[in-house]
Amino acid sequence: MNMSACMRSINKLRKLHRIHWRAELFQISTLFLKSENLSLVLSATYMN
């Protein structure tokens, strides 16, 4: 997954956070854990 896809996923997570925040975070975290970018996703998600 490239950086633009990462940002799109994070933006999607922000838009849906009221309803599906935990489920979206889990799915995105799982994807990035596989590509060893979990810390990037978590820092970008929690910092904004």
PDB file of N, CA and C in Angstrom:
ATOM      1  N   MET A   1       0.850  -1.198   0.000  1.00  0.00           N
ATOM      2  CA  MET A   1       0.000   0.000   0.000  1.00  0.00           C
ATOM      3  C   MET A   1       0.882   1.243   0.000  1.00  0.00           C
ATOM      4  N   ASN A   2       0.578   2.180  -0.885  1.00  0.00           N
ATOM      5  CA  ASN A   2       1.410   3.379  -0.972  1.00  0.00           C
ATOM      6  C   ASN A   2       0.892   4.484  -0.056  1.00  0.00           C
ATOM      7  N   MET A   3       1.590   5.600  -0.067  1.00  0.00           N
ATOM      8  CA  MET A   3       1.276   6.673   0.880  1.00  0.00           C
ATOM      9  C   MET A   3      -0.087   7.293   0.611  1.00  0.00           C
ATOM     10  N   SER A   4      -0.457   7.460  -0.671  1.00  0.00           N
ATOM     11  CA  SER A   4      -1.772   8.051  -0.949  1.00  0.00           C
ATOM     12  C   SER A   4      -2.890   7.157  -0.471  1.00  0.00           C
ATOM     13  N   ALA A   5      -2.725   5.868  -0.647  1.00  0.00           N
ATOM     14  CA  ALA A   5      -3.740   4.926  -0.147  1.00  0.00           C
ATOM     15  C   ALA A   5      -3.818   4.995   1.373  1.00  0.00           C
ATOM     16  N   CYS A   6      -2.674   5.192   1.992  1.00  0.00           N
ATOM     17  CA  CYS A   6      -2.635   5.347   3.446  1.00  0.00           C
ATOM     18  C   CYS A   6      -3.446   6.563   3.873  1.00  0.00           C
ATOM     19  N   MET A   7      -3.241   7.686   3.213  1.00  0.00           N
ATOM     20  CA  MET A   7      -3.948   8.905   3.580  1.00  0.00           C
ATOM     21  C   MET A   7      -5.447   8.782   3.308  1.00  0.00           C
ATOM     22  N   ARG A   8      -5.798   8.130   2.200  1.00  0.00           N
ATOM     23  CA  ARG A   8      -7.218   7.929   1.912  1.00  0.00           C
ATOM     24  C   ARG A   8      -7.873   7.070   2.983  1.00  0.00           C
ATOM     25  N   SER A   9      -7.162   6.040   3.417  1.00  0.00           N
ATOM     26  CA  SER A   9      -7.699   5.174   4.467  1.00  0.00           C
ATOM     27  C   SER A   9      -7.883   5.927   5.765  1.00  0.00           C
ATOM     28  N   ILE A  10      -6.921   6.770   6.102  1.00  0.00           N
ATOM     29  CA  ILE A  10      -7.010   7.555   7.341  1.00  0.00           C
ATOM     30  C   ILE A  10      -8.155   8.563   7.246  1.00  0.00           C
ATOM     31  N   ASN A  11      -8.304   9.203   6.094  1.00  0.00           N
ATOM     32  CA  ASN A  11      -9.406  10.146   5.918  1.00  0.00           C
ATOM     33  C   ASN A  11     -10.745   9.444   6.025  1.00  0.00           C
ATOM     34  N   LYS A  12     -10.845   8.263   5.442  1.00  0.00           N
ATOM     35  CA  LYS A  12     -12.069   7.476   5.548  1.00  0.00           C
ATOM     36  C   LYS A  12     -12.360   7.150   7.007  1.00  0.00           C
ATOM     37  N   LEU A  13     -11.324   6.766   7.738  1.00  0.00           N
ATOM     38  CA  LEU A  13     -11.477   6.440   9.150  1.00  0.00           C
ATOM     39  C   LEU A  13     -11.993   7.654   9.918  1.00  0.00           C
ATOM     40  N   ARG A  14     -11.460   8.820   9.644  1.00  0.00           N
ATOM     41  CA  ARG A  14     -11.901  10.028  10.344  1.00  0.00           C
ATOM     42  C   ARG A  14     -13.366  10.318  10.072  1.00  0.00           C
ATOM     43  N   LYS A  15     -13.787  10.147   8.806  1.00  0.00           N
ATOM     44  CA  LYS A  15     -15.172  10.456   8.448  1.00  0.00           C
ATOM     45  C   LYS A  15     -16.154   9.504   9.112  1.00  0.00           C
ATOM     46  N   LEU A  16     -15.721   8.259   9.308  1.00  0.00           N
ATOM     47  CA  LEU A  16     -16.628   7.245   9.836  1.00  0.00           C
ATOM     48  C   LEU A  16     -16.447   6.989  11.325  1.00  0.00           C
ATOM     49  N   HIS A  17     -15.617   7.801  11.984  1.00  0.00           N
ATOM     50  CA  HIS A  17     -15.211   7.452  13.348  1.00  0.00           C
ATOM     51  C   HIS A  17     -16.374   7.382  14.323  1.00  0.00           C
ATOM     52  N   ARG A  18     -17.434   8.131  14.076  1.00  0.00           N
ATOM     53  CA  ARG A  18     -18.554   8.116  15.013  1.00  0.00           C
ATOM     54  C   ARG A  18     -19.278   6.778  15.026  1.00  0.00           C
ATOM     55  N   ILE A  19     -19.257   6.089  13.885  1.00  0.00           N
ATOM     56  CA  ILE A  19     -20.017   4.843  13.775  1.00  0.00           C
ATOM     57  C   ILE A  19     -19.103   3.625  13.774  1.00  0.00           C
ATOM     58  N   HIS A  20     -18.078   3.673  12.934  1.00  0.00           N
ATOM     59  CA  HIS A  20     -17.271   2.474  12.700  1.00  0.00           C
ATOM     60  C   HIS A  20     -15.816   2.669  13.081  1.00  0.00           C
ATOM     61  N   TRP A  21     -15.546   3.615  13.987  1.00  0.00           N
ATOM     62  CA  TRP A  21     -14.156   3.985  14.256  1.00  0.00           C
ATOM     63  C   TRP A  21     -13.307   2.790  14.654  1.00  0.00           C
ATOM     64  N   ARG A  22     -13.781   2.000  15.599  1.00  0.00           N
ATOM     65  CA  ARG A  22     -12.966   0.885  16.076  1.00  0.00           C
ATOM     66  C   ARG A  22     -12.772  -0.185  14.999  1.00  0.00           C
ATOM     67  N   ALA A  23     -13.819  -0.487  14.277  1.00  0.00           N
ATOM     68  CA  ALA A  23     -13.716  -1.497  13.222  1.00  0.00           C
ATOM     69  C   ALA A  23     -12.770  -1.035  12.111  1.00  0.00           C
ATOM     70  N   GLU A  24     -12.896   0.223  11.713  1.00  0.00           N
ATOM     71  CA  GLU A  24     -12.018   0.758  10.677  1.00  0.00           C
ATOM     72  C   GLU A  24     -10.568   0.769  11.141  1.00  0.00           C
ATOM     73  N   LEU A  25     -10.357   1.187  12.382  1.00  0.00           N
ATOM     74  CA  LEU A  25      -8.988   1.230  12.900  1.00  0.00           C
ATOM     75  C   LEU A  25      -8.382  -0.161  12.929  1.00  0.00           C
ATOM     76  N   PHE A  26      -9.171  -1.135  13.344  1.00  0.00           N
ATOM     77  CA  PHE A  26      -8.671  -2.504  13.384  1.00  0.00           C
ATOM     78  C   PHE A  26      -8.285  -2.988  11.989  1.00  0.00           C
ATOM     79  N   GLN A  27      -9.147  -2.730  11.002  1.00  0.00           N
ATOM     80  CA  GLN A  27      -8.867  -3.176   9.632  1.00  0.00           C
ATOM     81  C   GLN A  27      -7.625  -2.496   9.069  1.00  0.00           C
ATOM     82  N   ILE A  28      -7.537  -1.187   9.249  1.00  0.00           N
ATOM     83  CA  ILE A  28      -6.381  -0.447   8.723  1.00  0.00           C
ATOM     84  C   ILE A  28      -5.110  -0.852   9.447  1.00  0.00           C
ATOM     85  N   SER A  29      -5.215  -1.033  10.772  1.00  0.00           N
ATOM     86  CA  SER A  29      -4.037  -1.438  11.539  1.00  0.00           C
ATOM     87  C   SER A  29      -3.538  -2.805  11.086  1.00  0.00           C
ATOM     88  N   THR A  30      -4.483  -3.705  10.820  1.00  0.00           N
ATOM     89  CA  THR A  30      -4.105  -5.039  10.364  1.00  0.00           C
ATOM     90  C   THR A  30      -3.372  -4.969   9.022  1.00  0.00           C
ATOM     91  N   LEU A  31      -3.884  -4.140   8.104  1.00  0.00           N
ATOM     92  CA  LEU A  31      -3.234  -3.998   6.805  1.00  0.00           C
ATOM     93  C   LEU A  31      -1.808  -3.470   6.957  1.00  0.00           C
ATOM     94  N   PHE A  32      -1.643  -2.470   7.795  1.00  0.00           N
ATOM     95  CA  PHE A  32      -0.328  -1.861   7.915  1.00  0.00           C
ATOM     96  C   PHE A  32       0.609  -2.673   8.786  1.00  0.00           C
ATOM     97  N   LEU A  33       0.059  -3.456   9.688  1.00  0.00           N
ATOM     98  CA  LEU A  33       0.920  -4.347  10.465  1.00  0.00           C
ATOM     99  C   LEU A  33       1.603  -5.333   9.522  1.00  0.00           C
ATOM    100  N   LYS A  34       0.863  -5.787   8.525  1.00  0.00           N
ATOM    101  CA  LYS A  34       1.425  -6.709   7.532  1.00  0.00           C
ATOM    102  C   LYS A  34       2.532  -6.037   6.725  1.00  0.00           C
ATOM    103  N   SER A  35       2.402  -4.732   6.505  1.00  0.00           N
ATOM    104  CA  SER A  35       3.420  -4.031   5.730  1.00  0.00           C
ATOM    105  C   SER A  35       4.371  -3.252   6.637  1.00  0.00           C
ATOM    106  N   GLU A  36       4.300  -3.543   7.947  1.00  0.00           N
ATOM    107  CA  GLU A  36       5.217  -2.966   8.927  1.00  0.00           C
ATOM    108  C   GLU A  36       5.128  -1.449   8.999  1.00  0.00           C
ATOM    109  N   ASN A  37       3.920  -0.918   8.805  1.00  0.00           N
ATOM    110  CA  ASN A  37       3.724   0.524   8.905  1.00  0.00           C
ATOM    111  C   ASN A  37       2.675   0.867   9.958  1.00  0.00           C
ATOM    112  N   LEU A  38       2.457  -0.044  10.895  1.00  0.00           N
ATOM    113  CA  LEU A  38       1.429   0.167  11.906  1.00  0.00           C
ATOM    114  C   LEU A  38       1.664   1.448  12.695  1.00  0.00           C
ATOM    115  N   SER A  39       2.899   1.704  13.065  1.00  0.00           N
ATOM    116  CA  SER A  39       3.192   2.897  13.864  1.00  0.00           C
ATOM    117  C   SER A  39       2.861   4.174  13.089  1.00  0.00           C
ATOM    118  N   LEU A  40       3.078   4.153  11.773  1.00  0.00           N
ATOM    119  CA  LEU A  40       2.739   5.306  10.934  1.00  0.00           C
ATOM    120  C   LEU A  40       1.246   5.583  10.982  1.00  0.00           C
ATOM    121  N   VAL A  41       0.451   4.538  10.839  1.00  0.00           N
ATOM    122  CA  VAL A  41      -1.000   4.696  10.850  1.00  0.00           C
ATOM    123  C   VAL A  41      -1.483   5.184  12.209  1.00  0.00           C
ATOM    124  N   LEU A  42      -0.997   4.550  13.254  1.00  0.00           N
ATOM    125  CA  LEU A  42      -1.451   4.931  14.594  1.00  0.00           C
ATOM    126  C   LEU A  42      -1.062   6.362  14.932  1.00  0.00           C
ATOM    127  N   SER A  43       0.152   6.754  14.610  1.00  0.00           N
ATOM    128  CA  SER A  43       0.580   8.113  14.926  1.00  0.00           C
ATOM    129  C   SER A  43      -0.230   9.125  14.115  1.00  0.00           C
ATOM    130  N   ALA A  44      -0.458   8.843  12.847  1.00  0.00           N
ATOM    131  CA  ALA A  44      -1.226   9.760  12.008  1.00  0.00           C
ATOM    132  C   ALA A  44      -2.680   9.840  12.463  1.00  0.00           C
ATOM    133  N   THR A  45      -3.224   8.712  12.935  1.00  0.00           N
ATOM    134  CA  THR A  45      -4.616   8.681  13.371  1.00  0.00           C
ATOM    135  C   THR A  45      -4.794   9.414  14.689  1.00  0.00           C
ATOM    136  N   TYR A  46      -3.926   9.144  15.651  1.00  0.00           N
ATOM    137  CA  TYR A  46      -4.112   9.718  16.979  1.00  0.00           C
ATOM    138  C   TYR A  46      -3.639  11.162  17.080  1.00  0.00           C
ATOM    139  N   MET A  47      -2.745  11.579  16.182  1.00  0.00           N
ATOM    140  CA  MET A  47      -2.236  12.943  16.251  1.00  0.00           C
ATOM    141  C   MET A  47      -3.210  13.949  15.650  1.00  0.00           C
ATOM    142  N   ASN A  48      -4.166  13.488  14.841  1.00  0.00           N
ATOM    143  CA  ASN A  48      -5.076  14.413  14.150  1.00  0.00           C
ATOM    144  C   ASN A  48      -6.502  14.243  14.624  1.00  0.00           C
TER     145      ASN A  48
END
